[in-house]
PDB file of N, CA and C in Angstrom:
ATOM      1  N   MET A   1     104.301  79.439  97.423  1.00  0.00           N
ATOM      2  CA  MET A   1     103.225  80.336  97.049  1.00  0.00           C
ATOM      3  C   MET A   1     103.663  81.119  95.812  1.00  0.00           C
ATOM      4  N   SER A   2     102.813  81.137  94.816  1.00  0.00           N
ATOM      5  CA  SER A   2     103.141  81.879  93.599  1.00  0.00           C
ATOM      6  C   SER A   2     103.039  83.379  93.865  1.00  0.00           C
ATOM      7  N   VAL A   3     103.657  84.137  92.987  1.00  0.00           N
ATOM      8  CA  VAL A   3     103.629  85.597  93.131  1.00  0.00           C
ATOM      9  C   VAL A   3     102.192  86.095  93.051  1.00  0.00           C
ATOM     10  N   GLN A   4     101.407  85.527  92.123  1.00  0.00           N
ATOM     11  CA  GLN A   4     100.012  85.954  91.973  1.00  0.00           C
ATOM     12  C   GLN A   4      99.198  85.681  93.226  1.00  0.00           C
ATOM     13  N   SER A   5      99.369  84.520  93.834  1.00  0.00           N
ATOM     14  CA  SER A   5      98.600  84.212  95.037  1.00  0.00           C
ATOM     15  C   SER A   5      99.072  85.069  96.216  1.00  0.00           C
ATOM     16  N   HIS A   6     100.370  85.338  96.267  1.00  0.00           N
ATOM     17  CA  HIS A   6     100.891  86.215  97.316  1.00  0.00           C
ATOM     18  C   HIS A   6     100.335  87.627  97.137  1.00  0.00           C
ATOM     19  N   LEU A   7     100.271  88.080  95.899  1.00  0.00           N
ATOM     20  CA  LEU A   7      99.717  89.399  95.592  1.00  0.00           C
ATOM     21  C   LEU A   7      98.244  89.469  95.997  1.00  0.00           C
ATOM     22  N   SER A   8      97.496  88.428  95.706  1.00  0.00           N
ATOM     23  CA  SER A   8      96.075  88.387  96.088  1.00  0.00           C
ATOM     24  C   SER A   8      95.914  88.445  97.603  1.00  0.00           C
ATOM     25  N   GLU A   9      96.755  87.711  98.305  1.00  0.00           N
ATOM     26  CA  GLU A   9      96.695  87.709  99.770  1.00  0.00           C
ATOM     27  C   GLU A   9      97.026  89.095 100.327  1.00  0.00           C
ATOM     28  N   LEU A  10      98.031  89.754  99.776  1.00  0.00           N
ATOM     29  CA  LEU A  10      98.386  91.107 100.233  1.00  0.00           C
ATOM     30  C   LEU A  10      97.245  92.084  99.965  1.00  0.00           C
ATOM     31  N   GLU A  11      96.603  91.970  98.806  1.00  0.00           N
ATOM     32  CA  GLU A  11      95.479  92.849  98.484  1.00  0.00           C
ATOM     33  C   GLU A  11      94.320  92.627  99.442  1.00  0.00           C
ATOM     34  N   LYS A  12      94.085  91.377  99.813  1.00  0.00           N
ATOM     35  CA  LYS A  12      93.024  91.057 100.773  1.00  0.00           C
ATOM     36  C   LYS A  12      93.344  91.685 102.137  1.00  0.00           C
ATOM     37  N   ARG A  13      94.595  91.547 102.571  1.00  0.00           N
ATOM     38  CA  ARG A  13      95.013  92.136 103.851  1.00  0.00           C
ATOM     39  C   ARG A  13      94.928  93.664 103.801  1.00  0.00           C
ATOM     40  N   HIS A  14      95.276  94.262 102.661  1.00  0.00           N
ATOM     41  CA  HIS A  14      95.207  95.718 102.501  1.00  0.00           C
ATOM     42  C   HIS A  14      93.761  96.195 102.660  1.00  0.00           C
ATOM     43  N   ARG A  15      92.835  95.495 102.025  1.00  0.00           N
ATOM     44  CA  ARG A  15      91.414  95.862 102.157  1.00  0.00           C
ATOM     45  C   ARG A  15      90.932  95.720 103.595  1.00  0.00           C
ATOM     46  N   ALA A  16      91.389  94.676 104.281  1.00  0.00           N
ATOM     47  CA  ALA A  16      90.984  94.462 105.678  1.00  0.00           C
ATOM     48  C   ALA A  16      91.506  95.588 106.574  1.00  0.00           C
ATOM     49  N   VAL A  17      92.750  95.990 106.365  1.00  0.00           N
ATOM     50  CA  VAL A  17      93.317  97.087 107.159  1.00  0.00           C
ATOM     51  C   VAL A  17      92.593  98.385 106.837  1.00  0.00           C
ATOM     52  N   GLU A  18      92.239  98.574 105.573  1.00  0.00           N
ATOM     53  CA  GLU A  18      91.503  99.769 105.171  1.00  0.00           C
ATOM     54  C   GLU A  18      90.151  99.840 105.890  1.00  0.00           C
ATOM     55  N   ARG A  19      89.455  98.707 105.959  1.00  0.00           N
ATOM     56  CA  ARG A  19      88.167  98.674 106.683  1.00  0.00           C
ATOM     57  C   ARG A  19      88.374  98.941 108.173  1.00  0.00           C
ATOM     58  N   GLU A  20      89.408  98.327 108.734  1.00  0.00           N
ATOM     59  CA  GLU A  20      89.720  98.523 110.146  1.00  0.00           C
ATOM     60  C   GLU A  20      90.027  99.990 110.443  1.00  0.00           C
ATOM     61  N   LEU A  21      90.744 100.621 109.540  1.00  0.00           N
ATOM     62  CA  LEU A  21      91.081 102.039 109.698  1.00  0.00           C
ATOM     63  C   LEU A  21      89.829 102.906 109.637  1.00  0.00           C
ATOM     64  N   GLU A  22      88.924 102.605 108.718  1.00  0.00           N
ATOM     65  CA  GLU A  22      87.681 103.373 108.614  1.00  0.00           C
ATOM     66  C   GLU A  22      86.844 103.256 109.890  1.00  0.00           C
ATOM     67  N   VAL A  23      86.762 102.069 110.446  1.00  0.00           N
ATOM     68  CA  VAL A  23      86.023 101.858 111.698  1.00  0.00           C
ATOM     69  C   VAL A  23      86.691 102.649 112.824  1.00  0.00           C
ATOM     70  N   ALA A  24      88.003 102.580 112.901  1.00  0.00           N
ATOM     71  CA  ALA A  24      88.744 103.283 113.956  1.00  0.00           C
ATOM     72  C   ALA A  24      88.574 104.795 113.844  1.00  0.00           C
ATOM     73  N   ARG A  25      88.527 105.294 112.623  1.00  0.00           N
ATOM     74  CA  ARG A  25      88.346 106.751 112.413  1.00  0.00           C
ATOM     75  C   ARG A  25      86.991 107.226 112.929  1.00  0.00           C
ATOM     76  N   ARG A  26      85.992 106.360 112.859  1.00  0.00           N
ATOM     77  CA  ARG A  26      84.643 106.734 113.315  1.00  0.00           C
ATOM     78  C   ARG A  26      84.509 106.711 114.834  1.00  0.00           C
ATOM     79  N   GLN A  27      85.464 106.075 115.505  1.00  0.00           N
ATOM     80  CA  GLN A  27      85.429 105.980 116.961  1.00  0.00           C
ATOM     81  C   GLN A  27      86.205 107.157 117.560  1.00  0.00           C
ATOM     82  N   PRO A  28      85.540 108.069 118.237  1.00  0.00           N
ATOM     83  CA  PRO A  28      86.233 109.231 118.795  1.00  0.00           C
ATOM     84  C   PRO A  28      87.296 108.864 119.839  1.00  0.00           C
ATOM     85  N   ALA A  29      87.150 107.705 120.445  1.00  0.00           N
ATOM     86  CA  ALA A  29      88.085 107.322 121.508  1.00  0.00           C
ATOM     87  C   ALA A  29      89.347 106.645 120.964  1.00  0.00           C
ATOM     88  N   THR A  30      89.442 106.458 119.646  1.00  0.00           N
ATOM     89  CA  THR A  30      90.621 105.798 119.076  1.00  0.00           C
ATOM     90  C   THR A  30      91.834 106.717 119.214  1.00  0.00           C
ATOM     91  N   PRO A  31      92.877 106.236 119.874  1.00  0.00           N
ATOM     92  CA  PRO A  31      94.086 107.059 120.028  1.00  0.00           C
ATOM     93  C   PRO A  31      94.752 107.339 118.681  1.00  0.00           C
ATOM     94  N   ASP A  32      95.363 108.505 118.576  1.00  0.00           N
ATOM     95  CA  ASP A  32      96.052 108.879 117.346  1.00  0.00           C
ATOM     96  C   ASP A  32      97.137 107.876 116.980  1.00  0.00           C
ATOM     97  N   ILE A  33      97.809 107.329 117.987  1.00  0.00           N
ATOM     98  CA  ILE A  33      98.874 106.359 117.719  1.00  0.00           C
ATOM     99  C   ILE A  33      98.321 105.107 117.051  1.00  0.00           C
ATOM    100  N   ALA A  34      97.130 104.706 117.430  1.00  0.00           N
ATOM    101  CA  ALA A  34      96.502 103.533 116.819  1.00  0.00           C
ATOM    102  C   ALA A  34      96.175 103.808 115.348  1.00  0.00           C
ATOM    103  N   LEU A  35      95.665 105.006 115.075  1.00  0.00           N
ATOM    104  CA  LEU A  35      95.383 105.383 113.686  1.00  0.00           C
ATOM    105  C   LEU A  35      96.673 105.423 112.875  1.00  0.00           C
ATOM    106  N   SER A  36      97.716 105.972 113.453  1.00  0.00           N
ATOM    107  CA  SER A  36      99.014 106.046 112.773  1.00  0.00           C
ATOM    108  C   SER A  36      99.556 104.663 112.456  1.00  0.00           C
ATOM    109  N   GLU A  37      99.414 103.740 113.383  1.00  0.00           N
ATOM    110  CA  GLU A  37      99.896 102.371 113.166  1.00  0.00           C
ATOM    111  C   GLU A  37      99.119 101.687 112.037  1.00  0.00           C
ATOM    112  N   LEU A  38      97.813 101.894 112.010  1.00  0.00           N
ATOM    113  CA  LEU A  38      97.005 101.310 110.938  1.00  0.00           C
ATOM    114  C   LEU A  38      97.375 101.916 109.583  1.00  0.00           C
ATOM    115  N   LYS A  39      97.578 103.229 109.554  1.00  0.00           N
ATOM    116  CA  LYS A  39      97.983 103.889 108.312  1.00  0.00           C
ATOM    117  C   LYS A  39      99.333 103.373 107.833  1.00  0.00           C
ATOM    118  N   ARG A  40     100.258 103.190 108.760  1.00  0.00           N
ATOM    119  CA  ARG A  40     101.591 102.693 108.407  1.00  0.00           C
ATOM    120  C   ARG A  40     101.499 101.261 107.866  1.00  0.00           C
ATOM    121  N   LYS A  41     100.687 100.446 108.512  1.00  0.00           N
ATOM    122  CA  LYS A  41     100.505  99.064 108.079  1.00  0.00           C
ATOM    123  C   LYS A  41      99.903  99.022 106.669  1.00  0.00           C
ATOM    124  N   LYS A  42      98.911  99.872 106.435  1.00  0.00           N
ATOM    125  CA  LYS A  42      98.265  99.939 105.126  1.00  0.00           C
ATOM    126  C   LYS A  42      99.269 100.376 104.054  1.00  0.00           C
ATOM    127  N   LEU A  43     100.089 101.362 104.368  1.00  0.00           N
ATOM    128  CA  LEU A  43     101.091 101.842 103.419  1.00  0.00           C
ATOM    129  C   LEU A  43     102.141 100.775 103.125  1.00  0.00           C
ATOM    130  N   GLN A  44     102.559 100.042 104.157  1.00  0.00           N
ATOM    131  CA  GLN A  44     103.534  98.971 103.952  1.00  0.00           C
ATOM    132  C   GLN A  44     102.976  97.903 103.013  1.00  0.00           C
ATOM    133  N   LEU A  45     101.711  97.565 103.209  1.00  0.00           N
ATOM    134  CA  LEU A  45     101.076  96.587 102.328  1.00  0.00           C
ATOM    135  C   LEU A  45     100.994  97.112 100.895  1.00  0.00           C
ATOM    136  N   LYS A  46     100.628  98.380 100.759  1.00  0.00           N
ATOM    137  CA  LYS A  46     100.538  98.983  99.426  1.00  0.00           C
ATOM    138  C   LYS A  46     101.901  98.980  98.741  1.00  0.00           C
ATOM    139  N   ASP A  47     102.947  99.314  99.477  1.00  0.00           N
ATOM    140  CA  ASP A  47     104.302  99.308  98.913  1.00  0.00           C
ATOM    141  C   ASP A  47     104.704  97.910  98.458  1.00  0.00           C
ATOM    142  N   GLU A  48     104.379  96.912  99.259  1.00  0.00           N
ATOM    143  CA  GLU A  48     104.708  95.530  98.903  1.00  0.00           C
ATOM    144  C   GLU A  48     103.919  95.091  97.672  1.00  0.00           C
ATOM    145  N   ILE A  49     102.653  95.482  97.589  1.00  0.00           N
ATOM    146  CA  ILE A  49     101.824  95.164  96.422  1.00  0.00           C
ATOM    147  C   ILE A  49     102.419  95.798  95.168  1.00  0.00           C
ATOM    148  N   THR A  50     102.797  97.059  95.268  1.00  0.00           N
ATOM    149  CA  THR A  50     103.404  97.766  94.138  1.00  0.00           C
ATOM    150  C   THR A  50     104.696  97.085  93.698  1.00  0.00           C
ATOM    151  N   ARG A  51     105.529  96.712  94.661  1.00  0.00           N
ATOM    152  CA  ARG A  51     106.799  96.056  94.352  1.00  0.00           C
ATOM    153  C   ARG A  51     106.563  94.728  93.618  1.00  0.00           C
ATOM    154  N   LEU A  52     105.615  93.945  94.113  1.00  0.00           N
ATOM    155  CA  LEU A  52     105.324  92.657  93.473  1.00  0.00           C
ATOM    156  C   LEU A  52     104.741  92.838  92.076  1.00  0.00           C
ATOM    157  N   ARG A  53     103.865  93.823  91.916  1.00  0.00           N
ATOM    158  CA  ARG A  53     103.292  94.077  90.584  1.00  0.00           C
ATOM    159  C   ARG A  53     104.381  94.465  89.596  1.00  0.00           C
ATOM    160  N   GLN A  54     105.335  95.249  90.044  1.00  0.00           N
ATOM    161  CA  GLN A  54     106.441  95.638  89.166  1.00  0.00           C
ATOM    162  C   GLN A  54     107.280  94.422  88.797  1.00  0.00           C
ATOM    163  N   GLN A  55     107.485  93.507  89.726  1.00  0.00           N
ATOM    164  CA  GLN A  55     108.239  92.293  89.430  1.00  0.00           C
ATOM    165  C   GLN A  55     107.516  91.444  88.392  1.00  0.00           C
ATOM    166  N   VAL A  56     106.215  91.385  88.488  1.00  0.00           N
ATOM    167  CA  VAL A  56     105.428  90.594  87.549  1.00  0.00           C
ATOM    168  C   VAL A  56     105.401  91.278  86.181  1.00  0.00           C
ATOM    169  N   ASP A  57     105.286  92.604  86.156  1.00  0.00           N
ATOM    170  CA  ASP A  57     105.197  93.346  84.903  1.00  0.00           C
ATOM    171  C   ASP A  57     106.511  93.360  84.132  1.00  0.00           C
ATOM    172  N   VAL A  58     107.627  93.425  84.825  1.00  0.00           N
ATOM    173  CA  VAL A  58     108.926  93.502  84.144  1.00  0.00           C
ATOM    174  C   VAL A  58     109.187  92.266  83.290  1.00  0.00           C
ATOM    175  N   PRO A  59     109.035  91.034  83.817  1.00  0.00           N
ATOM    176  CA  PRO A  59     109.256  89.873  82.962  1.00  0.00           C
ATOM    177  C   PRO A  59     108.278  89.814  81.780  1.00  0.00           C
ATOM    178  N   LEU A  60     107.046  90.244  81.997  1.00  0.00           N
ATOM    179  CA  LEU A  60     106.059  90.234  80.901  1.00  0.00           C
ATOM    180  C   LEU A  60     106.457  91.221  79.814  1.00  0.00           C
ATOM    181  N   ALA A  61     106.926  92.395  80.205  1.00  0.00           N
ATOM    182  CA  ALA A  61     107.344  93.410  79.240  1.00  0.00           C
ATOM    183  C   ALA A  61     108.588  92.934  78.487  1.00  0.00           C
ATOM    184  N   ALA A  62     109.515  92.315  79.180  1.00  0.00           N
ATOM    185  CA  ALA A  62     110.744  91.816  78.546  1.00  0.00           C
ATOM    186  C   ALA A  62     110.404  90.704  77.563  1.00  0.00           C
ATOM    187  N   ALA A  63     109.465  89.862  77.908  1.00  0.00           N
ATOM    188  CA  ALA A  63     109.082  88.753  77.029  1.00  0.00           C
ATOM    189  C   ALA A  63     108.410  89.273  75.752  1.00  0.00           C
ATOM    190  N   SER A  64     107.688  90.370  75.854  1.00  0.00           N
ATOM    191  CA  SER A  64     107.010  90.899  74.677  1.00  0.00           C
ATOM    192  C   SER A  64     107.975  91.567  73.707  1.00  0.00           C
ATOM    193  N   LEU A  65     109.177  91.878  74.147  1.00  0.00           N
ATOM    194  CA  LEU A  65     110.179  92.483  73.276  1.00  0.00           C
ATOM    195  C   LEU A  65     110.828  91.463  72.360  1.00  0.00           C
ATOM    196  N   HIS A  66     110.737  90.201  72.711  1.00  0.00           N
ATOM    197  CA  HIS A  66     111.418  89.159  71.925  1.00  0.00           C
ATOM    198  C   HIS A  66     110.537  88.616  70.847  1.00  0.00           C
TER     199      HIS A  66
END
């Protein structure tokens, strides 16, 4: 899997977790622990997306210097 396709897949999963979190927030019976787990999952995905974007940007920036 290329970095770009992996990045796209992570972004898709991030959006899905974001939607799931919004639905859970609207449900008064959703336990706080469930909300916390969804928030943590969303943050982990965001961190991974950021890390991959930085990996992609660094080689591009280095190539433009030459």
